[in-house]
C-alpha atoms as a PDB file:
ATOM      1  CA  MET A   1       0.000   0.000   0.000  1.00  0.00           C
ATOM      2  CA  ASN A   2       1.161   3.527  -0.739  1.00  0.00           C
ATOM      3  CA  SER A   3       2.715   4.768   2.501  1.00  0.00           C
ATOM      4  CA  SER A   4       1.389   8.317   2.051  1.00  0.00           C
ATOM      5  CA  PHE A   5      -2.255   7.189   2.245  1.00  0.00           C
ATOM      6  CA  PRO A   6      -3.328   7.514   5.900  1.00  0.00           C
ATOM      7  CA  ALA A   7      -4.207   4.142   7.392  1.00  0.00           C
ATOM      8  CA  SER A   8      -7.123   5.765   9.214  1.00  0.00           C
ATOM      9  CA  ASN A   9      -8.725   7.072   6.004  1.00  0.00           C
ATOM     10  CA  ASN A  10     -11.533   5.361   4.129  1.00  0.00           C
ATOM     11  CA  PRO A  11     -10.852   4.175   0.578  1.00  0.00           C
ATOM     12  CA  ILE A  12     -11.371   6.828  -2.099  1.00  0.00           C
ATOM     13  CA  LYS A  13     -14.784   6.547  -3.726  1.00  0.00           C
ATOM     14  CA  LEU A  14     -14.735   6.541  -7.524  1.00  0.00           C
ATOM     15  CA  TYR A  15     -18.075   7.303  -9.155  1.00  0.00           C
ATOM     16  CA  ARG A  16     -17.898   5.914 -12.656  1.00  0.00           C
ATOM     17  CA  TYR A  17     -19.398   4.288 -15.722  1.00  0.00           C
ATOM     18  CA  GLU A  18     -17.752   0.886 -15.878  1.00  0.00           C
ATOM     19  CA  MET A  19     -16.818   1.101 -19.571  1.00  0.00           C
ATOM     20  CA  SER A  20     -15.739   4.745 -19.582  1.00  0.00           C
ATOM     21  CA  GLY A  21     -12.143   5.351 -20.572  1.00  0.00           C
ATOM     22  CA  HIS A  22     -12.134   8.594 -18.572  1.00  0.00           C
ATOM     23  CA  CYS A  23     -13.098   6.636 -15.457  1.00  0.00           C
ATOM     24  CA  HIS A  24     -10.679   3.829 -16.180  1.00  0.00           C
ATOM     25  CA  ARG A  25      -7.665   6.139 -16.309  1.00  0.00           C
ATOM     26  CA  VAL A  26      -8.480   7.299 -12.774  1.00  0.00           C
ATOM     27  CA  GLN A  27      -8.948   3.732 -11.536  1.00  0.00           C
ATOM     28  CA  LEU A  28      -5.683   2.709 -13.193  1.00  0.00           C
ATOM     29  CA  MET A  29      -3.822   5.606 -11.582  1.00  0.00           C
ATOM     30  CA  MET A  30      -5.111   4.727  -8.123  1.00  0.00           C
ATOM     31  CA  SER A  31      -4.190   1.089  -8.629  1.00  0.00           C
ATOM     32  CA  LEU A  32      -0.656   1.919  -9.786  1.00  0.00           C
ATOM     33  CA  LEU A  33      -0.219   4.205  -6.784  1.00  0.00           C
ATOM     34  CA  GLU A  34      -1.608   1.465  -4.532  1.00  0.00           C
ATOM     35  CA  ILE A  35      -4.262   3.803  -3.164  1.00  0.00           C
ATOM     36  CA  PRO A  36      -7.248   2.047  -1.564  1.00  0.00           C
ATOM     37  CA  TYR A  37     -10.423   2.798  -3.528  1.00  0.00           C
ATOM     38  CA  GLN A  38     -13.917   1.551  -4.140  1.00  0.00           C
ATOM     39  CA  THR A  39     -15.884   1.930  -7.353  1.00  0.00           C
ATOM     40  CA  ILE A  40     -19.483   3.129  -7.378  1.00  0.00           C
ATOM     41  CA  ASP A  41     -21.241   2.593 -10.677  1.00  0.00           C
ATOM     42  CA  ILE A  42     -23.503   5.433 -11.794  1.00  0.00           C
ATOM     43  CA  GLU A  43     -26.441   4.717 -14.094  1.00  0.00           C
ATOM     44  CA  ARG A  44     -26.226   6.547 -17.399  1.00  0.00           C
ATOM     45  CA  ASP A  45     -29.644   8.120 -16.757  1.00  0.00           C
ATOM     46  CA  GLY A  46     -28.322   9.558 -13.491  1.00  0.00           C
ATOM     47  CA  SER A  47     -31.005   7.842 -11.431  1.00  0.00           C
ATOM     48  CA  ASN A  48     -28.610   6.794  -8.674  1.00  0.00           C
ATOM     49  CA  GLN A  49     -26.421   9.894  -8.501  1.00  0.00           C
ATOM     50  CA  PRO A  50     -25.645  11.260  -5.031  1.00  0.00           C
ATOM     51  CA  GLU A  51     -27.724  14.310  -4.074  1.00  0.00           C
ATOM     52  CA  ASP A  52     -24.753  16.659  -4.403  1.00  0.00           C
ATOM     53  CA  PHE A  53     -23.449  15.114  -7.627  1.00  0.00           C
ATOM     54  CA  LEU A  54     -24.309  18.078  -9.870  1.00  0.00           C
ATOM     55  CA  SER A  55     -22.660  20.494  -7.470  1.00  0.00           C
ATOM     56  CA  ILE A  56     -19.432  18.538  -7.883  1.00  0.00           C
ATOM     57  CA  SER A  57     -19.807  17.777 -11.582  1.00  0.00           C
ATOM     58  CA  PRO A  58     -22.152  20.422 -13.076  1.00  0.00           C
ATOM     59  CA  MET A  59     -22.380  18.594 -16.404  1.00  0.00           C
ATOM     60  CA  GLY A  60     -23.324  15.375 -14.635  1.00  0.00           C
ATOM     61  CA  GLN A  61     -20.216  13.670 -15.962  1.00  0.00           C
ATOM     62  CA  VAL A  62     -18.013  11.000 -14.450  1.00  0.00           C
ATOM     63  CA  PRO A  63     -15.488  10.309 -13.088  1.00  0.00           C
ATOM     64  CA  VAL A  64     -15.889  11.942  -9.708  1.00  0.00           C
ATOM     65  CA  ILE A  65     -13.849  11.039  -6.646  1.00  0.00           C
ATOM     66  CA  ASP A  66     -14.630  11.507  -2.976  1.00  0.00           C
ATOM     67  CA  ASP A  67     -11.400  11.372  -1.021  1.00  0.00           C
ATOM     68  CA  ASN A  68     -12.622  11.391   2.557  1.00  0.00           C
ATOM     69  CA  GLY A  69     -14.744  14.482   1.968  1.00  0.00           C
ATOM     70  CA  PHE A  70     -12.728  16.143  -0.788  1.00  0.00           C
ATOM     71  CA  LYS A  71     -14.700  15.771  -4.004  1.00  0.00           C
ATOM     72  CA  LEU A  72     -13.383  16.370  -7.501  1.00  0.00           C
ATOM     73  CA  ALA A  73     -14.564  15.812 -11.063  1.00  0.00           C
ATOM     74  CA  ASP A  74     -12.596  15.690 -14.367  1.00  0.00           C
ATOM     75  CA  SER A  75     -10.262  12.792 -15.049  1.00  0.00           C
ATOM     76  CA  ASN A  76      -7.128  14.799 -15.835  1.00  0.00           C
ATOM     77  CA  GLY A  77      -7.665  16.999 -12.795  1.00  0.00           C
ATOM     78  CA  ILE A  78      -8.089  13.894 -10.666  1.00  0.00           C
ATOM     79  CA  LEU A  79      -4.851  12.373 -11.985  1.00  0.00           C
ATOM     80  CA  ILE A  80      -2.949  15.515 -11.012  1.00  0.00           C
ATOM     81  CA  TYR A  81      -4.579  15.579  -7.581  1.00  0.00           C
ATOM     82  CA  LEU A  82      -3.798  11.929  -6.873  1.00  0.00           C
ATOM     83  CA  VAL A  83      -0.154  12.221  -7.847  1.00  0.00           C
ATOM     84  CA  LYS A  84       0.408  15.552  -6.087  1.00  0.00           C
ATOM     85  CA  LYS A  85      -1.145  14.248  -2.879  1.00  0.00           C
ATOM     86  CA  TYR A  86      -0.042  10.616  -2.779  1.00  0.00           C
ATOM     87  CA  SER A  87       3.165  10.539  -4.820  1.00  0.00           C
ATOM     88  CA  PRO A  88       4.662  14.043  -4.593  1.00  0.00           C
ATOM     89  CA  ASN A  89       8.049  14.820  -6.102  1.00  0.00           C
ATOM     90  CA  SER A  90       7.859  11.715  -8.268  1.00  0.00           C
ATOM     91  CA  ASN A  91       8.338  10.998 -11.953  1.00  0.00           C
ATOM     92  CA  TRP A  92       4.568  10.816 -12.350  1.00  0.00           C
ATOM     93  CA  LEU A  93       4.476  14.641 -12.458  1.00  0.00           C
ATOM     94  CA  PRO A  94       8.004  16.021 -12.197  1.00  0.00           C
ATOM     95  CA  ASP A  95       8.867  19.607 -11.264  1.00  0.00           C
ATOM     96  CA  ASP A  96      11.240  19.966 -14.220  1.00  0.00           C
ATOM     97  CA  VAL A  97       9.858  22.820 -16.303  1.00  0.00           C
ATOM     98  CA  GLU A  98      10.492  21.271 -19.704  1.00  0.00           C
ATOM     99  CA  MET A  99       9.030  17.905 -18.728  1.00  0.00           C
ATOM    100  CA  ALA A 100       6.012  19.585 -17.134  1.00  0.00           C
ATOM    101  CA  GLY A 101       5.391  21.401 -20.409  1.00  0.00           C
ATOM    102  CA  LYS A 102       5.632  18.171 -22.396  1.00  0.00           C
ATOM    103  CA  ILE A 103       3.205  16.427 -20.068  1.00  0.00           C
ATOM    104  CA  GLN A 104       0.711  19.301 -20.299  1.00  0.00           C
ATOM    105  CA  ARG A 105       0.919  19.145 -24.090  1.00  0.00           C
ATOM    106  CA  TRP A 106      -0.193  15.520 -23.996  1.00  0.00           C
ATOM    107  CA  LEU A 107      -2.935  16.229 -21.458  1.00  0.00           C
ATOM    108  CA  SER A 108      -4.271  18.854 -23.867  1.00  0.00           C
ATOM    109  CA  ILE A 109      -4.246  16.266 -26.643  1.00  0.00           C
ATOM    110  CA  VAL A 110      -6.071  13.866 -24.340  1.00  0.00           C
ATOM    111  CA  SER A 111      -8.841  16.443 -23.854  1.00  0.00           C
ATOM    112  CA  GLY A 112      -8.890  17.367 -27.546  1.00  0.00           C
ATOM    113  CA  GLU A 113      -7.811  15.046 -30.316  1.00  0.00           C
ATOM    114  CA  LEU A 114      -8.103  11.852 -28.266  1.00  0.00           C
ATOM    115  CA  VAL A 115     -11.710  12.608 -27.319  1.00  0.00           C
ATOM    116  CA  SER A 116     -12.748  13.780 -30.789  1.00  0.00           C
ATOM    117  CA  GLY A 117     -11.012  10.792 -32.391  1.00  0.00           C
ATOM    118  CA  PRO A 118     -10.659   7.318 -30.818  1.00  0.00           C
ATOM    119  CA  ALA A 119     -12.942   8.029 -27.850  1.00  0.00           C
ATOM    120  CA  ILE A 120     -15.862   9.215 -29.988  1.00  0.00           C
ATOM    121  CA  ALA A 121     -15.345   6.366 -32.471  1.00  0.00           C
ATOM    122  CA  ARG A 122     -15.534   3.832 -29.642  1.00  0.00           C
ATOM    123  CA  PHE A 123     -18.551   5.546 -28.085  1.00  0.00           C
ATOM    124  CA  SER A 124     -20.414   5.509 -31.410  1.00  0.00           C
ATOM    125  CA  LYS A 125     -19.873   1.773 -31.898  1.00  0.00           C
ATOM    126  CA  ILE A 126     -20.652   0.703 -28.333  1.00  0.00           C
ATOM    127  CA  TYR A 127     -23.810   2.797 -27.995  1.00  0.00           C
ATOM    128  CA  ASN A 128     -24.865   2.840 -31.655  1.00  0.00           C
ATOM    129  CA  VAL A 129     -24.649   6.627 -31.927  1.00  0.00           C
ATOM    130  CA  VAL A 130     -24.646   8.181 -35.386  1.00  0.00           C
ATOM    131  CA  ILE A 131     -21.603  10.376 -36.058  1.00  0.00           C
ATOM    132  CA  ASP A 132     -19.581  11.506 -39.053  1.00  0.00           C
ATOM    133  CA  TYR A 133     -17.565   8.345 -38.709  1.00  0.00           C
ATOM    134  CA  GLU A 134     -15.183   8.857 -41.628  1.00  0.00           C
ATOM    135  CA  THR A 135     -14.134  12.261 -40.292  1.00  0.00           C
ATOM    136  CA  VAL A 136     -13.641  10.825 -36.808  1.00  0.00           C
ATOM    137  CA  LYS A 137     -11.669   7.898 -38.214  1.00  0.00           C
ATOM    138  CA  LYS A 138      -9.424  10.280 -40.148  1.00  0.00           C
ATOM    139  CA  LYS A 139      -8.771  12.298 -36.971  1.00  0.00           C
ATOM    140  CA  SER A 140      -8.056   9.101 -35.065  1.00  0.00           C
ATOM    141  CA  LEU A 141      -5.529   7.805 -37.565  1.00  0.00           C
ATOM    142  CA  ALA A 142      -3.769  11.187 -37.692  1.00  0.00           C
ATOM    143  CA  LEU A 143      -3.438  11.181 -33.905  1.00  0.00           C
ATOM    144  CA  LEU A 144      -2.258   7.575 -33.773  1.00  0.00           C
ATOM    145  CA  SER A 145       0.311   8.235 -36.498  1.00  0.00           C
ATOM    146  CA  MET A 146       1.689  11.170 -34.507  1.00  0.00           C
ATOM    147  CA  LEU A 147       1.735   9.145 -31.283  1.00  0.00           C
ATOM    148  CA  ASP A 148       3.452   6.230 -32.994  1.00  0.00           C
ATOM    149  CA  SER A 149       6.160   8.564 -34.306  1.00  0.00           C
ATOM    150  CA  SER A 150       6.604  10.051 -30.830  1.00  0.00           C
ATOM    151  CA  LEU A 151       7.214   6.570 -29.440  1.00  0.00           C
ATOM    152  CA  LYS A 152       9.759   5.607 -32.079  1.00  0.00           C
ATOM    153  CA  ASP A 153      12.800   6.111 -29.853  1.00  0.00           C
ATOM    154  CA  SER A 154      11.313   5.908 -26.375  1.00  0.00           C
ATOM    155  CA  ASP A 155       9.305   3.571 -24.169  1.00  0.00           C
ATOM    156  CA  PHE A 156       6.806   6.229 -23.098  1.00  0.00           C
ATOM    157  CA  VAL A 157       5.350   9.393 -24.574  1.00  0.00           C
ATOM    158  CA  THR A 158       7.761  11.931 -23.079  1.00  0.00           C
ATOM    159  CA  GLY A 159      10.835   9.698 -22.916  1.00  0.00           C
ATOM    160  CA  ASN A 160      11.797   6.500 -21.152  1.00  0.00           C
ATOM    161  CA  THR A 161      10.057   7.320 -17.872  1.00  0.00           C
ATOM    162  CA  LEU A 162       6.379   6.618 -17.266  1.00  0.00           C
ATOM    163  CA  ASN A 163       4.224   9.561 -16.165  1.00  0.00           C
ATOM    164  CA  ILE A 164       0.596  10.664 -15.999  1.00  0.00           C
ATOM    165  CA  ALA A 165       0.517  11.530 -19.702  1.00  0.00           C
ATOM    166  CA  ASP A 166       0.849   7.828 -20.514  1.00  0.00           C
ATOM    167  CA  ILE A 167      -1.960   6.920 -18.130  1.00  0.00           C
ATOM    168  CA  ALA A 168      -4.224   9.651 -19.518  1.00  0.00           C
ATOM    169  CA  LEU A 169      -3.655   8.443 -23.085  1.00  0.00           C
ATOM    170  CA  TYR A 170      -3.641   4.693 -22.544  1.00  0.00           C
ATOM    171  CA  THR A 171      -7.265   3.579 -22.321  1.00  0.00           C
ATOM    172  CA  TYR A 172      -8.776   5.165 -25.415  1.00  0.00           C
ATOM    173  CA  VAL A 173      -5.695   4.363 -27.498  1.00  0.00           C
ATOM    174  CA  ALA A 174      -5.543   0.731 -26.376  1.00  0.00           C
ATOM    175  CA  HIS A 175      -9.284   0.329 -26.938  1.00  0.00           C
ATOM    176  CA  ALA A 176      -9.385   2.148 -30.273  1.00  0.00           C
ATOM    177  CA  PRO A 177     -10.179  -1.170 -32.064  1.00  0.00           C
ATOM    178  CA  GLU A 178     -13.541  -1.200 -30.257  1.00  0.00           C
ATOM    179  CA  GLY A 179     -14.307   1.879 -32.329  1.00  0.00           C
ATOM    180  CA  GLY A 180     -13.164   0.248 -35.535  1.00  0.00           C
ATOM    181  CA  ILE A 181      -9.749   1.935 -35.452  1.00  0.00           C
ATOM    182  CA  LYS A 182      -7.122  -0.742 -36.002  1.00  0.00           C
ATOM    183  CA  LEU A 183      -3.672  -0.504 -34.429  1.00  0.00           C
ATOM    184  CA  ASP A 184      -1.886  -2.977 -36.703  1.00  0.00           C
ATOM    185  CA  SER A 185       0.003  -0.234 -38.545  1.00  0.00           C
ATOM    186  CA  PHE A 186       1.362   1.314 -35.359  1.00  0.00           C
ATOM    187  CA  PRO A 187       4.039  -1.017 -33.930  1.00  0.00           C
ATOM    188  CA  ASN A 188       5.415   1.545 -31.484  1.00  0.00           C
ATOM    189  CA  ILE A 189       1.968   2.075 -29.990  1.00  0.00           C
ATOM    190  CA  ILE A 190       1.501  -1.677 -29.635  1.00  0.00           C
ATOM    191  CA  LYS A 191       4.818  -1.910 -27.785  1.00  0.00           C
ATOM    192  CA  TRP A 192       3.840   1.036 -25.556  1.00  0.00           C
ATOM    193  CA  ILE A 193       0.512  -0.594 -24.715  1.00  0.00           C
ATOM    194  CA  LYS A 194       2.352  -3.766 -23.692  1.00  0.00           C
ATOM    195  CA  ASN A 195       4.715  -1.707 -21.524  1.00  0.00           C
ATOM    196  CA  ILE A 196       1.784  -0.246 -19.621  1.00  0.00           C
ATOM    197  CA  GLU A 197      -0.143  -3.501 -19.369  1.00  0.00           C
ATOM    198  CA  SER A 198       2.914  -5.221 -17.899  1.00  0.00           C
ATOM    199  CA  LEU A 199       3.065  -2.782 -14.980  1.00  0.00           C
ATOM    200  CA  GLU A 200       2.546  -4.162 -11.498  1.00  0.00           C
ATOM    201  CA  HIS A 201      -0.990  -3.381 -10.290  1.00  0.00           C
ATOM    202  CA  PHE A 202      -2.284  -2.756 -13.828  1.00  0.00           C
ATOM    203  CA  VAL A 203      -6.066  -3.097 -14.002  1.00  0.00           C
ATOM    204  CA  PRO A 204      -7.854  -3.612 -17.334  1.00  0.00           C
ATOM    205  CA  LEU A 205     -10.921  -1.849 -18.659  1.00  0.00           C
ATOM    206  CA  LYS A 206     -13.968  -4.002 -19.291  1.00  0.00           C
ATOM    207  CA  VAL A 207     -13.965  -4.760 -23.013  1.00  0.00           C
ATOM    208  CA  SER A 208     -17.135  -4.165 -24.990  1.00  0.00           C
ATOM    209  CA  GLN A 209     -18.676  -6.975 -26.980  1.00  0.00           C
ATOM    210  CA  ILE A 210     -18.119  -4.962 -30.182  1.00  0.00           C
ATOM    211  CA  THR A 211     -14.561  -5.897 -31.176  1.00  0.00           C
END
C-alpha cells in the first residue's frame, strides 16, 4: 500500500461508468499508486447519482472522486490531484519545467484530439450513436500516427520514464479497435501498450462486446 495514504482514512470513492475510458484512467492511476479505492457505478440516466453530484460535476459527468470528503470531477484533474497528494516529487508529475510542459501538451491532446477521435469512435460503436464516422476515423488515424512517431525512440510518450501523460492516453488508445480503429500499422503504440499492461498493479478496462 502507498505509505502516504493515511491508514485511518476510508478508501477513495470513484463514481464511474464501468466502460468509460475517462473513469478507467483514474482507476488505473489509483491502482498503480496502490491507493485504496472503491468503485461506485452510476447509471447513465443519473437515477442513482448522489444528491450533491451536480454540485461537484455540473455537467453530470463521471469520473468523480470523494477522497474522505474532498470531491473532484474531471479525469485529468483527478490524476494531477492523486499524484500531487499521494506521490509528490515523483516521476509521475516532475517539477522539471520542460518535462512539465511536455506532459501538459499531452494532457491537452487527451482532452482534444483523443476525445474527438478514438474516444468518440468507440462511443459511437458501443452505444450505436450516429456520427460523421469517416471524419472521426481520419482524426483518429492522424493522432495515432503522430503518437506512434513520438514513441519511435522511447518507451513512453515523453521519454523513457512513465508519467501521468501515458496513463491519460492509454485507455482510449488501447481500446481504439472497439471503435473500428485498427492498431496494426502502429508497432510503437503496440509496444507502448504492452509496456503499460505489464506494470505491477495494472487493471484492465472491461472490453465491450463490439470488437
